[in-house]
Amino acid sequence: MAVYDLEEQEQLSALKAWWGKYGNIISTGATVVAIGVIAWTAWSRYQGSQSENASVLYAEAFRAAQANDVPKLQQLANQLTKDYPGHLQAALATLLSARADVEKNDGKAARVKLEWITANVKDPLIKDVARLRLAAVLLDDKLLDEALTQANAGTTKEYAGRFAEMRGDVLIEQGKTEDAKAAFKQALEKYSEGGEFASLKNVVQTKLEALGGN
């Protein structure tokens, strides 16, 4: 099963936009690790002791993911969703856990976790990251109608291009060439506006040309 397309870029983009809402600046060169350390420390002060505990657990989950310690990662993600379901750290740990499921070809387990995020997390940026990854997992598993539903569910302007591209990918698998062309053209329009995913414009252009579009 293929790994998530542009997974880290999507999550980093969401974190940048989310953190910006609270008046904090994250440099364009910041890494996911730096965000994990800086953002959660500051966010814990904003939320209080519960968020501080959630931040500690997330930091452990992140280190487990980096070390490829899947059992520990999944245990920590489960603990976060159980004890701190309303905290962003729970969603991010669950994203990491779902990625581990995908890497071991367990799409069903990944879907359960991503669906939990879409159902329980309020932040629209993180929800959209989960929707994109869920669409990718469903596409890999050939659950095309469900994948298209997720690809149509995006709500944030930051990910409009990514959702349009995902729709195109699903529509190709459904044999709907003209609809796929339209989706890729929409993605090109969004990527042409700039933003985190502007570099994908050439990739989508290649997909469009492969379908006989321009």
N, C-alpha and C. Protein backbone atom coordinates (compact mmCIF):
# COMPACT_ATOMS: atom_id res chain seq x y z
N MET A 1 0.85 -1.19 0.00
CA MET A 1 0.00 0.00 0.00
C MET A 1 0.89 1.25 0.00
N ALA A 2 0.55 2.21 -0.81
CA ALA A 2 1.37 3.41 -0.91
C ALA A 2 1.27 4.24 0.36
N VAL A 3 2.38 4.90 0.71
CA VAL A 3 2.35 5.81 1.85
C VAL A 3 1.59 7.07 1.46
N TYR A 4 1.22 7.85 2.45
CA TYR A 4 0.46 9.07 2.17
C TYR A 4 1.25 10.00 1.27
N ASP A 5 0.57 10.60 0.32
CA ASP A 5 1.18 11.57 -0.57
C ASP A 5 1.34 12.89 0.15
N LEU A 6 2.61 13.38 0.24
CA LEU A 6 2.89 14.68 0.82
C LEU A 6 2.41 14.80 2.27
N GLU A 7 2.48 13.72 2.98
CA GLU A 7 1.93 13.68 4.35
C GLU A 7 2.54 14.74 5.25
N GLU A 8 3.88 14.81 5.32
CA GLU A 8 4.50 15.74 6.25
C GLU A 8 4.23 17.18 5.84
N GLN A 9 4.21 17.46 4.54
CA GLN A 9 3.94 18.82 4.08
C GLN A 9 2.53 19.24 4.46
N GLU A 10 1.58 18.32 4.33
CA GLU A 10 0.19 18.63 4.69
C GLU A 10 0.07 18.94 6.18
N GLN A 11 0.70 18.10 7.00
CA GLN A 11 0.59 18.30 8.44
C GLN A 11 1.32 19.57 8.86
N LEU A 12 2.49 19.83 8.28
CA LEU A 12 3.24 21.03 8.62
C LEU A 12 2.47 22.28 8.21
N SER A 13 1.83 22.24 7.04
CA SER A 13 1.02 23.37 6.59
C SER A 13 -0.12 23.65 7.55
N ALA A 14 -0.78 22.58 8.00
CA ALA A 14 -1.89 22.76 8.94
C ALA A 14 -1.41 23.35 10.26
N LEU A 15 -0.26 22.86 10.73
CA LEU A 15 0.26 23.37 12.00
C LEU A 15 0.65 24.83 11.90
N LYS A 16 1.25 25.22 10.78
CA LYS A 16 1.61 26.62 10.59
C LYS A 16 0.38 27.51 10.63
N ALA A 17 -0.63 27.13 9.87
CA ALA A 17 -1.85 27.93 9.81
C ALA A 17 -2.55 27.97 11.16
N TRP A 18 -2.62 26.81 11.81
CA TRP A 18 -3.28 26.74 13.12
C TRP A 18 -2.56 27.60 14.14
N TRP A 19 -1.23 27.48 14.19
CA TRP A 19 -0.47 28.24 15.18
C TRP A 19 -0.57 29.73 14.92
N GLY A 20 -0.67 30.10 13.63
CA GLY A 20 -0.80 31.51 13.28
C GLY A 20 -2.04 32.15 13.86
N LYS A 21 -3.10 31.35 14.08
CA LYS A 21 -4.34 31.90 14.64
C LYS A 21 -4.13 32.40 16.06
N TYR A 22 -3.09 31.94 16.73
CA TYR A 22 -2.84 32.35 18.10
C TYR A 22 -1.71 33.37 18.20
N GLY A 23 -1.37 33.97 17.06
CA GLY A 23 -0.43 35.07 17.05
C GLY A 23 1.02 34.67 17.17
N ASN A 24 1.34 33.43 16.95
CA ASN A 24 2.72 32.98 17.02
C ASN A 24 3.26 32.76 15.62
N ILE A 25 4.53 33.02 15.44
CA ILE A 25 5.16 32.91 14.14
C ILE A 25 6.03 31.66 14.08
N ILE A 26 5.82 30.89 13.02
CA ILE A 26 6.66 29.73 12.78
C ILE A 26 7.39 29.97 11.48
N SER A 27 8.71 29.93 11.49
CA SER A 27 9.48 30.22 10.29
C SER A 27 9.22 29.17 9.24
N THR A 28 9.38 29.54 7.97
CA THR A 28 9.10 28.61 6.88
C THR A 28 10.06 27.44 6.89
N GLY A 29 11.18 27.57 7.56
CA GLY A 29 12.13 26.47 7.62
C GLY A 29 11.97 25.59 8.83
N ALA A 30 10.94 25.82 9.63
CA ALA A 30 10.76 25.03 10.85
C ALA A 30 10.48 23.58 10.50
N THR A 31 10.99 22.69 11.30
CA THR A 31 10.74 21.27 11.08
C THR A 31 9.58 20.81 11.94
N VAL A 32 9.08 19.62 11.63
CA VAL A 32 8.00 19.06 12.44
C VAL A 32 8.47 18.87 13.88
N VAL A 33 9.73 18.49 14.05
CA VAL A 33 10.25 18.31 15.41
C VAL A 33 10.21 19.61 16.17
N ALA A 34 10.66 20.70 15.53
CA ALA A 34 10.68 21.99 16.21
C ALA A 34 9.28 22.43 16.59
N ILE A 35 8.35 22.20 15.71
CA ILE A 35 6.96 22.55 16.02
C ILE A 35 6.47 21.72 17.19
N GLY A 36 6.81 20.43 17.17
CA GLY A 36 6.37 19.58 18.26
C GLY A 36 6.88 20.04 19.61
N VAL A 37 8.11 20.55 19.64
CA VAL A 37 8.68 21.01 20.91
C VAL A 37 8.16 22.39 21.29
N ILE A 38 8.22 23.33 20.34
CA ILE A 38 7.86 24.71 20.65
C ILE A 38 6.35 24.90 20.79
N ALA A 39 5.61 24.39 19.83
CA ALA A 39 4.17 24.64 19.83
C ALA A 39 3.49 24.03 21.04
N TRP A 40 3.85 22.80 21.35
CA TRP A 40 3.14 22.15 22.45
C TRP A 40 3.50 22.75 23.80
N THR A 41 4.74 23.23 23.93
CA THR A 41 5.12 23.88 25.18
C THR A 41 4.31 25.16 25.40
N ALA A 42 4.23 25.98 24.36
CA ALA A 42 3.48 27.22 24.47
C ALA A 42 1.98 26.96 24.60
N TRP A 43 1.50 25.98 23.85
CA TRP A 43 0.07 25.66 23.89
C TRP A 43 -0.33 25.12 25.26
N SER A 44 0.58 24.42 25.90
CA SER A 44 0.27 23.89 27.23
C SER A 44 0.06 25.02 28.22
N ARG A 45 0.80 26.12 28.08
CA ARG A 45 0.60 27.26 28.97
C ARG A 45 -0.78 27.87 28.75
N TYR A 46 -1.23 27.82 27.51
CA TYR A 46 -2.54 28.40 27.18
C TYR A 46 -3.68 27.53 27.71
N GLN A 47 -3.53 26.25 27.64
CA GLN A 47 -4.60 25.34 28.01
C GLN A 47 -4.55 24.88 29.46
N GLY A 48 -3.36 24.91 30.11
CA GLY A 48 -3.27 24.47 31.48
C GLY A 48 -2.64 23.09 31.61
N SER A 49 -2.79 22.53 32.79
CA SER A 49 -2.08 21.30 33.12
C SER A 49 -2.48 20.12 32.25
N GLN A 50 -3.75 20.03 31.85
CA GLN A 50 -4.16 18.90 31.03
C GLN A 50 -3.44 18.90 29.69
N SER A 51 -3.33 20.06 29.10
CA SER A 51 -2.62 20.15 27.82
C SER A 51 -1.14 19.87 28.01
N GLU A 52 -0.61 20.25 29.17
CA GLU A 52 0.79 19.96 29.42
C GLU A 52 1.01 18.45 29.45
N ASN A 53 0.12 17.74 30.10
CA ASN A 53 0.22 16.28 30.12
C ASN A 53 0.07 15.70 28.72
N ALA A 54 -0.88 16.23 27.97
CA ALA A 54 -1.08 15.76 26.60
C ALA A 54 0.15 16.05 25.74
N SER A 55 0.80 17.20 25.98
CA SER A 55 2.00 17.55 25.22
C SER A 55 3.13 16.57 25.49
N VAL A 56 3.27 16.17 26.76
CA VAL A 56 4.31 15.20 27.12
C VAL A 56 4.06 13.87 26.41
N LEU A 57 2.81 13.44 26.42
CA LEU A 57 2.47 12.18 25.76
C LEU A 57 2.70 12.26 24.25
N TYR A 58 2.35 13.41 23.66
CA TYR A 58 2.56 13.56 22.22
C TYR A 58 4.04 13.52 21.88
N ALA A 59 4.86 14.19 22.70
CA ALA A 59 6.30 14.18 22.46
C ALA A 59 6.83 12.75 22.49
N GLU A 60 6.33 11.95 23.42
CA GLU A 60 6.73 10.55 23.49
C GLU A 60 6.26 9.79 22.25
N ALA A 61 5.03 10.08 21.82
CA ALA A 61 4.49 9.42 20.63
C ALA A 61 5.31 9.78 19.40
N PHE A 62 5.71 11.04 19.31
CA PHE A 62 6.50 11.48 18.16
C PHE A 62 7.85 10.77 18.14
N ARG A 63 8.48 10.67 19.31
CA ARG A 63 9.76 9.97 19.38
C ARG A 63 9.59 8.48 19.03
N ALA A 64 8.49 7.90 19.47
CA ALA A 64 8.23 6.50 19.13
C ALA A 64 8.06 6.33 17.62
N ALA A 65 7.40 7.27 16.99
CA ALA A 65 7.23 7.21 15.54
C ALA A 65 8.57 7.33 14.84
N GLN A 66 9.42 8.24 15.32
CA GLN A 66 10.74 8.42 14.72
C GLN A 66 11.59 7.16 14.87
N ALA A 67 11.40 6.46 16.00
CA ALA A 67 12.16 5.24 16.26
C ALA A 67 11.51 4.00 15.67
N ASN A 68 10.37 4.19 15.01
CA ASN A 68 9.61 3.08 14.44
C ASN A 68 9.18 2.07 15.49
N ASP A 69 8.90 2.58 16.69
CA ASP A 69 8.39 1.75 17.78
C ASP A 69 6.86 1.79 17.71
N VAL A 70 6.31 0.98 16.82
CA VAL A 70 4.88 1.04 16.53
C VAL A 70 4.01 0.68 17.73
N PRO A 71 4.31 -0.37 18.49
CA PRO A 71 3.47 -0.68 19.65
C PRO A 71 3.39 0.48 20.65
N LYS A 72 4.53 1.11 20.93
CA LYS A 72 4.52 2.23 21.86
C LYS A 72 3.74 3.41 21.29
N LEU A 73 3.95 3.69 20.00
CA LEU A 73 3.23 4.78 19.34
C LEU A 73 1.73 4.56 19.45
N GLN A 74 1.27 3.37 19.14
CA GLN A 74 -0.16 3.10 19.17
C GLN A 74 -0.72 3.16 20.59
N GLN A 75 0.07 2.70 21.57
CA GLN A 75 -0.37 2.77 22.96
C GLN A 75 -0.54 4.22 23.40
N LEU A 76 0.41 5.07 23.03
CA LEU A 76 0.34 6.49 23.40
C LEU A 76 -0.79 7.20 22.67
N ALA A 77 -0.99 6.87 21.40
CA ALA A 77 -2.08 7.48 20.65
C ALA A 77 -3.42 7.09 21.25
N ASN A 78 -3.55 5.83 21.62
CA ASN A 78 -4.79 5.37 22.26
C ASN A 78 -5.03 6.08 23.58
N GLN A 79 -3.96 6.27 24.34
CA GLN A 79 -4.08 6.96 25.63
C GLN A 79 -4.52 8.42 25.43
N LEU A 80 -3.97 9.06 24.44
CA LEU A 80 -4.33 10.44 24.17
C LEU A 80 -5.79 10.57 23.74
N THR A 81 -6.24 9.67 22.87
CA THR A 81 -7.63 9.76 22.42
C THR A 81 -8.60 9.42 23.54
N LYS A 82 -8.17 8.59 24.47
CA LYS A 82 -9.03 8.22 25.60
C LYS A 82 -9.08 9.32 26.66
N ASP A 83 -7.91 9.84 27.04
CA ASP A 83 -7.82 10.78 28.16
C ASP A 83 -7.91 12.24 27.75
N TYR A 84 -7.52 12.55 26.51
CA TYR A 84 -7.49 13.95 26.05
C TYR A 84 -8.10 14.07 24.65
N PRO A 85 -9.30 13.57 24.45
CA PRO A 85 -9.88 13.53 23.10
C PRO A 85 -10.10 14.91 22.47
N GLY A 86 -10.24 15.94 23.28
CA GLY A 86 -10.49 17.26 22.73
C GLY A 86 -9.24 18.06 22.45
N HIS A 87 -8.08 17.46 22.65
CA HIS A 87 -6.82 18.18 22.47
C HIS A 87 -6.20 17.85 21.12
N LEU A 88 -5.55 18.84 20.54
CA LEU A 88 -4.95 18.67 19.22
C LEU A 88 -3.87 17.59 19.22
N GLN A 89 -3.18 17.44 20.34
CA GLN A 89 -2.14 16.43 20.43
C GLN A 89 -2.69 15.03 20.16
N ALA A 90 -3.91 14.77 20.60
CA ALA A 90 -4.52 13.47 20.36
C ALA A 90 -4.70 13.22 18.86
N ALA A 91 -5.12 14.25 18.15
CA ALA A 91 -5.31 14.12 16.71
C ALA A 91 -3.99 13.87 16.00
N LEU A 92 -2.94 14.60 16.38
CA LEU A 92 -1.66 14.45 15.70
C LEU A 92 -1.02 13.10 16.00
N ALA A 93 -1.14 12.63 17.22
CA ALA A 93 -0.63 11.30 17.54
C ALA A 93 -1.40 10.23 16.77
N THR A 94 -2.69 10.45 16.60
CA THR A 94 -3.51 9.49 15.85
C THR A 94 -3.13 9.49 14.37
N LEU A 95 -2.78 10.65 13.83
CA LEU A 95 -2.28 10.70 12.46
C LEU A 95 -1.00 9.87 12.31
N LEU A 96 -0.11 9.99 13.28
CA LEU A 96 1.12 9.21 13.23
C LEU A 96 0.82 7.71 13.34
N SER A 97 -0.11 7.36 14.20
CA SER A 97 -0.47 5.96 14.37
C SER A 97 -1.12 5.40 13.11
N ALA A 98 -1.95 6.20 12.46
CA ALA A 98 -2.59 5.77 11.21
C ALA A 98 -1.55 5.56 10.12
N ARG A 99 -0.54 6.41 10.08
CA ARG A 99 0.53 6.23 9.09
C ARG A 99 1.24 4.91 9.31
N ALA A 100 1.48 4.57 10.58
CA ALA A 100 2.13 3.29 10.88
C ALA A 100 1.28 2.12 10.40
N ASP A 101 -0.05 2.25 10.53
CA ASP A 101 -0.94 1.20 10.03
C ASP A 101 -0.82 1.05 8.53
N VAL A 102 -0.75 2.18 7.83
CA VAL A 102 -0.62 2.13 6.37
C VAL A 102 0.68 1.46 5.97
N GLU A 103 1.75 1.78 6.69
CA GLU A 103 3.06 1.22 6.35
C GLU A 103 3.12 -0.29 6.56
N LYS A 104 2.24 -0.82 7.40
CA LYS A 104 2.19 -2.27 7.57
C LYS A 104 0.98 -2.87 6.84
N ASN A 105 0.46 -2.10 5.88
CA ASN A 105 -0.62 -2.57 5.00
C ASN A 105 -1.91 -2.90 5.74
N ASP A 106 -2.20 -2.16 6.78
CA ASP A 106 -3.44 -2.35 7.53
C ASP A 106 -4.34 -1.13 7.30
N GLY A 107 -4.94 -1.08 6.12
CA GLY A 107 -5.78 0.05 5.76
C GLY A 107 -7.01 0.18 6.64
N LYS A 108 -7.55 -0.96 7.07
CA LYS A 108 -8.75 -0.93 7.90
C LYS A 108 -8.49 -0.21 9.22
N ALA A 109 -7.37 -0.52 9.87
CA ALA A 109 -7.03 0.13 11.14
C ALA A 109 -6.78 1.61 10.92
N ALA A 110 -6.11 1.95 9.83
CA ALA A 110 -5.85 3.36 9.53
C ALA A 110 -7.15 4.12 9.32
N ARG A 111 -8.09 3.50 8.64
CA ARG A 111 -9.37 4.17 8.38
C ARG A 111 -10.10 4.48 9.69
N VAL A 112 -10.09 3.53 10.62
CA VAL A 112 -10.77 3.75 11.91
C VAL A 112 -10.19 4.97 12.61
N LYS A 113 -8.89 5.11 12.60
CA LYS A 113 -8.24 6.22 13.30
C LYS A 113 -8.49 7.55 12.59
N LEU A 114 -8.42 7.54 11.29
CA LEU A 114 -8.65 8.78 10.54
C LEU A 114 -10.12 9.21 10.65
N GLU A 115 -11.01 8.25 10.66
CA GLU A 115 -12.43 8.57 10.84
C GLU A 115 -12.69 9.15 12.23
N TRP A 116 -11.93 8.68 13.22
CA TRP A 116 -12.07 9.24 14.57
C TRP A 116 -11.72 10.73 14.55
N ILE A 117 -10.66 11.07 13.84
CA ILE A 117 -10.25 12.47 13.77
C ILE A 117 -11.33 13.31 13.09
N THR A 118 -11.84 12.84 11.97
CA THR A 118 -12.85 13.63 11.25
C THR A 118 -14.12 13.80 12.05
N ALA A 119 -14.39 12.85 12.96
CA ALA A 119 -15.62 12.91 13.75
C ALA A 119 -15.45 13.69 15.05
N ASN A 120 -14.22 13.77 15.57
CA ASN A 120 -14.04 14.31 16.91
C ASN A 120 -13.22 15.59 17.01
N VAL A 121 -12.43 15.88 16.01
CA VAL A 121 -11.56 17.06 16.08
C VAL A 121 -12.29 18.27 15.50
N LYS A 122 -12.21 19.38 16.19
CA LYS A 122 -12.92 20.58 15.75
C LYS A 122 -12.11 21.42 14.76
N ASP A 123 -10.80 21.41 14.89
CA ASP A 123 -9.99 22.27 14.04
C ASP A 123 -10.14 21.87 12.57
N PRO A 124 -10.60 22.78 11.70
CA PRO A 124 -10.87 22.42 10.30
C PRO A 124 -9.62 22.04 9.51
N LEU A 125 -8.48 22.61 9.85
CA LEU A 125 -7.25 22.29 9.13
C LEU A 125 -6.82 20.85 9.39
N ILE A 126 -6.83 20.46 10.65
CA ILE A 126 -6.45 19.08 10.99
C ILE A 126 -7.48 18.09 10.45
N LYS A 127 -8.75 18.46 10.49
CA LYS A 127 -9.78 17.59 9.92
C LYS A 127 -9.53 17.38 8.44
N ASP A 128 -9.13 18.43 7.74
CA ASP A 128 -8.88 18.29 6.31
C ASP A 128 -7.66 17.42 6.02
N VAL A 129 -6.62 17.53 6.85
CA VAL A 129 -5.48 16.62 6.69
C VAL A 129 -5.95 15.18 6.82
N ALA A 130 -6.76 14.91 7.85
CA ALA A 130 -7.27 13.55 8.06
C ALA A 130 -8.14 13.10 6.89
N ARG A 131 -8.97 13.99 6.38
CA ARG A 131 -9.83 13.63 5.24
C ARG A 131 -8.98 13.27 4.01
N LEU A 132 -7.94 14.04 3.76
CA LEU A 132 -7.07 13.74 2.61
C LEU A 132 -6.40 12.38 2.77
N ARG A 133 -5.92 12.11 3.95
CA ARG A 133 -5.25 10.83 4.17
C ARG A 133 -6.25 9.68 4.13
N LEU A 134 -7.45 9.92 4.65
CA LEU A 134 -8.49 8.90 4.58
C LEU A 134 -8.85 8.62 3.13
N ALA A 135 -8.97 9.66 2.33
CA ALA A 135 -9.26 9.47 0.90
C ALA A 135 -8.17 8.65 0.24
N ALA A 136 -6.91 8.92 0.60
CA ALA A 136 -5.79 8.18 0.01
C ALA A 136 -5.83 6.71 0.39
N VAL A 137 -6.15 6.43 1.65
CA VAL A 137 -6.24 5.04 2.10
C VAL A 137 -7.39 4.32 1.40
N LEU A 138 -8.53 4.98 1.31
CA LEU A 138 -9.68 4.39 0.64
C LEU A 138 -9.39 4.15 -0.84
N LEU A 139 -8.67 5.07 -1.45
CA LEU A 139 -8.29 4.91 -2.86
C LEU A 139 -7.37 3.70 -3.02
N ASP A 140 -6.40 3.56 -2.13
CA ASP A 140 -5.50 2.40 -2.19
C ASP A 140 -6.27 1.10 -2.02
N ASP A 141 -7.30 1.13 -1.20
CA ASP A 141 -8.10 -0.07 -0.94
C ASP A 141 -9.23 -0.26 -1.96
N LYS A 142 -9.24 0.60 -2.99
CA LYS A 142 -10.23 0.50 -4.07
C LYS A 142 -11.66 0.74 -3.60
N LEU A 143 -11.82 1.47 -2.52
CA LEU A 143 -13.15 1.86 -2.04
C LEU A 143 -13.43 3.24 -2.63
N LEU A 144 -13.72 3.25 -3.92
CA LEU A 144 -13.69 4.48 -4.68
C LEU A 144 -14.82 5.45 -4.34
N ASP A 145 -16.01 4.95 -4.13
CA ASP A 145 -17.12 5.85 -3.78
C ASP A 145 -16.86 6.55 -2.44
N GLU A 146 -16.35 5.78 -1.48
CA GLU A 146 -16.03 6.36 -0.18
C GLU A 146 -14.87 7.36 -0.29
N ALA A 147 -13.90 7.01 -1.12
CA ALA A 147 -12.76 7.92 -1.32
C ALA A 147 -13.23 9.24 -1.92
N LEU A 148 -14.15 9.16 -2.88
CA LEU A 148 -14.65 10.37 -3.51
C LEU A 148 -15.44 11.22 -2.52
N THR A 149 -16.17 10.57 -1.63
CA THR A 149 -16.90 11.31 -0.60
C THR A 149 -15.94 12.14 0.24
N GLN A 150 -14.83 11.54 0.65
CA GLN A 150 -13.84 12.27 1.43
C GLN A 150 -13.17 13.36 0.60
N ALA A 151 -12.93 13.08 -0.66
CA ALA A 151 -12.28 14.07 -1.53
C ALA A 151 -13.18 15.27 -1.80
N ASN A 152 -14.48 15.10 -1.57
CA ASN A 152 -15.44 16.20 -1.74
C ASN A 152 -15.73 16.92 -0.43
N ALA A 153 -15.09 16.49 0.66
CA ALA A 153 -15.47 16.98 1.99
C ALA A 153 -14.59 18.11 2.52
N GLY A 154 -13.61 18.54 1.76
CA GLY A 154 -12.71 19.59 2.24
C GLY A 154 -13.43 20.90 2.49
N THR A 155 -12.98 21.62 3.52
CA THR A 155 -13.64 22.88 3.88
C THR A 155 -12.71 24.08 3.92
N THR A 156 -11.38 23.87 3.91
CA THR A 156 -10.45 24.97 4.08
C THR A 156 -9.81 25.37 2.75
N LYS A 157 -9.58 26.66 2.60
CA LYS A 157 -8.97 27.15 1.36
C LYS A 157 -7.54 26.67 1.21
N GLU A 158 -6.85 26.43 2.36
CA GLU A 158 -5.46 25.99 2.30
C GLU A 158 -5.31 24.66 1.56
N TYR A 159 -6.35 23.83 1.62
CA TYR A 159 -6.27 22.50 1.03
C TYR A 159 -7.18 22.32 -0.18
N ALA A 160 -7.70 23.40 -0.71
CA ALA A 160 -8.62 23.29 -1.85
C ALA A 160 -7.96 22.61 -3.04
N GLY A 161 -6.71 22.97 -3.32
CA GLY A 161 -6.00 22.34 -4.43
C GLY A 161 -5.74 20.87 -4.22
N ARG A 162 -5.36 20.50 -3.00
CA ARG A 162 -5.10 19.11 -2.69
C ARG A 162 -6.36 18.26 -2.82
N PHE A 163 -7.50 18.81 -2.38
CA PHE A 163 -8.74 18.06 -2.51
C PHE A 163 -9.15 17.91 -3.97
N ALA A 164 -8.96 18.96 -4.75
CA ALA A 164 -9.29 18.87 -6.18
C ALA A 164 -8.41 17.83 -6.87
N GLU A 165 -7.13 17.81 -6.53
CA GLU A 165 -6.24 16.80 -7.11
C GLU A 165 -6.65 15.40 -6.69
N MET A 166 -7.00 15.25 -5.42
CA MET A 166 -7.44 13.94 -4.94
C MET A 166 -8.70 13.48 -5.67
N ARG A 167 -9.63 14.41 -5.90
CA ARG A 167 -10.84 14.04 -6.66
C ARG A 167 -10.45 13.54 -8.04
N GLY A 168 -9.51 14.21 -8.67
CA GLY A 168 -9.06 13.78 -9.98
C GLY A 168 -8.48 12.37 -9.95
N ASP A 169 -7.68 12.09 -8.94
CA ASP A 169 -7.08 10.75 -8.82
C ASP A 169 -8.14 9.67 -8.66
N VAL A 170 -9.16 9.96 -7.85
CA VAL A 170 -10.24 8.99 -7.64
C VAL A 170 -11.06 8.82 -8.91
N LEU A 171 -11.37 9.92 -9.55
CA LEU A 171 -12.20 9.87 -10.75
C LEU A 171 -11.52 9.10 -11.88
N ILE A 172 -10.20 9.19 -11.96
CA ILE A 172 -9.47 8.39 -12.94
C ILE A 172 -9.72 6.91 -12.69
N GLU A 173 -9.63 6.50 -11.43
CA GLU A 173 -9.85 5.08 -11.09
C GLU A 173 -11.28 4.65 -11.37
N GLN A 174 -12.20 5.60 -11.33
CA GLN A 174 -13.60 5.29 -11.64
C GLN A 174 -13.87 5.31 -13.14
N GLY A 175 -12.87 5.65 -13.92
CA GLY A 175 -13.04 5.69 -15.37
C GLY A 175 -13.76 6.93 -15.86
N LYS A 176 -13.83 7.96 -15.04
CA LYS A 176 -14.54 9.20 -15.40
C LYS A 176 -13.51 10.24 -15.85
N THR A 177 -13.03 10.05 -17.06
CA THR A 177 -11.91 10.84 -17.55
C THR A 177 -12.23 12.33 -17.61
N GLU A 178 -13.37 12.69 -18.15
CA GLU A 178 -13.70 14.11 -18.31
C GLU A 178 -13.87 14.79 -16.95
N ASP A 179 -14.47 14.08 -16.01
CA ASP A 179 -14.61 14.64 -14.66
C ASP A 179 -13.24 14.79 -14.00
N ALA A 180 -12.36 13.83 -14.26
CA ALA A 180 -11.01 13.91 -13.71
C ALA A 180 -10.26 15.12 -14.28
N LYS A 181 -10.41 15.35 -15.57
CA LYS A 181 -9.79 16.52 -16.18
C LYS A 181 -10.26 17.81 -15.51
N ALA A 182 -11.56 17.91 -15.29
CA ALA A 182 -12.12 19.10 -14.66
C ALA A 182 -11.55 19.29 -13.25
N ALA A 183 -11.39 18.18 -12.52
CA ALA A 183 -10.85 18.27 -11.17
C ALA A 183 -9.39 18.72 -11.20
N PHE A 184 -8.61 18.18 -12.13
CA PHE A 184 -7.21 18.57 -12.22
C PHE A 184 -7.07 20.04 -12.64
N LYS A 185 -7.96 20.50 -13.51
CA LYS A 185 -7.92 21.91 -13.90
C LYS A 185 -8.22 22.81 -12.70
N GLN A 186 -9.16 22.37 -11.88
CA GLN A 186 -9.47 23.13 -10.67
C GLN A 186 -8.25 23.15 -9.74
N ALA A 187 -7.58 22.00 -9.62
CA ALA A 187 -6.38 21.95 -8.79
C ALA A 187 -5.31 22.89 -9.32
N LEU A 188 -5.14 22.94 -10.63
CA LEU A 188 -4.17 23.85 -11.22
C LEU A 188 -4.48 25.30 -10.89
N GLU A 189 -5.75 25.65 -10.94
CA GLU A 189 -6.15 27.02 -10.61
C GLU A 189 -5.79 27.36 -9.17
N LYS A 190 -6.05 26.41 -8.27
CA LYS A 190 -5.74 26.65 -6.86
C LYS A 190 -4.25 26.73 -6.61
N TYR A 191 -3.49 25.83 -7.23
CA TYR A 191 -2.04 25.85 -7.04
C TYR A 191 -1.42 27.11 -7.65
N SER A 192 -2.04 27.63 -8.70
CA SER A 192 -1.53 28.84 -9.34
C SER A 192 -1.67 30.07 -8.44
N GLU A 193 -2.52 29.96 -7.44
CA GLU A 193 -2.71 31.07 -6.51
C GLU A 193 -1.60 31.15 -5.48
N GLY A 194 -0.69 30.17 -5.48
CA GLY A 194 0.41 30.14 -4.53
C GLY A 194 0.06 29.32 -3.31
N GLY A 195 0.83 29.48 -2.25
CA GLY A 195 0.58 28.72 -1.04
C GLY A 195 1.53 27.55 -0.89
N GLU A 196 1.28 26.74 0.13
CA GLU A 196 2.17 25.65 0.49
C GLU A 196 2.36 24.62 -0.62
N PHE A 197 1.35 24.44 -1.46
CA PHE A 197 1.38 23.34 -2.43
C PHE A 197 1.52 23.82 -3.87
N ALA A 198 1.97 25.06 -4.05
CA ALA A 198 2.12 25.61 -5.40
C ALA A 198 3.08 24.79 -6.25
N SER A 199 4.05 24.15 -5.61
CA SER A 199 5.04 23.36 -6.34
C SER A 199 4.42 22.13 -7.02
N LEU A 200 3.19 21.79 -6.65
CA LEU A 200 2.54 20.63 -7.24
C LEU A 200 1.90 20.93 -8.60
N LYS A 201 1.97 22.18 -9.01
CA LYS A 201 1.32 22.56 -10.26
C LYS A 201 1.82 21.73 -11.43
N ASN A 202 3.14 21.51 -11.53
CA ASN A 202 3.69 20.75 -12.65
C ASN A 202 3.26 19.29 -12.60
N VAL A 203 3.12 18.75 -11.39
CA VAL A 203 2.68 17.36 -11.25
C VAL A 203 1.26 17.20 -11.79
N VAL A 204 0.39 18.13 -11.42
CA VAL A 204 -1.00 18.06 -11.88
C VAL A 204 -1.08 18.31 -13.39
N GLN A 205 -0.25 19.21 -13.88
CA GLN A 205 -0.23 19.47 -15.32
C GLN A 205 0.13 18.20 -16.08
N THR A 206 1.07 17.44 -15.56
CA THR A 206 1.47 16.18 -16.19
C THR A 206 0.31 15.18 -16.18
N LYS A 207 -0.42 15.11 -15.05
CA LYS A 207 -1.57 14.24 -14.97
C LYS A 207 -2.63 14.63 -15.99
N LEU A 208 -2.85 15.92 -16.11
CA LEU A 208 -3.86 16.42 -17.04
C LEU A 208 -3.48 16.10 -18.48
N GLU A 209 -2.22 16.31 -18.83
CA GLU A 209 -1.76 16.04 -20.19
C GLU A 209 -1.84 14.54 -20.51
N ALA A 210 -1.62 13.71 -19.50
CA ALA A 210 -1.72 12.27 -19.71
C ALA A 210 -3.14 11.84 -20.08
N LEU A 211 -4.10 12.66 -19.67
CA LEU A 211 -5.50 12.38 -19.99
C LEU A 211 -5.94 13.05 -21.28
N GLY A 212 -5.01 13.73 -21.92
CA GLY A 212 -5.34 14.41 -23.17
C GLY A 212 -5.88 15.82 -22.95
N GLY A 213 -5.67 16.35 -21.74
CA GLY A 213 -6.10 17.71 -21.44
C GLY A 213 -4.97 18.69 -21.58
N ASN A 214 -5.29 20.00 -21.40
CA ASN A 214 -4.23 21.01 -21.48
C ASN A 214 -4.62 22.21 -20.65
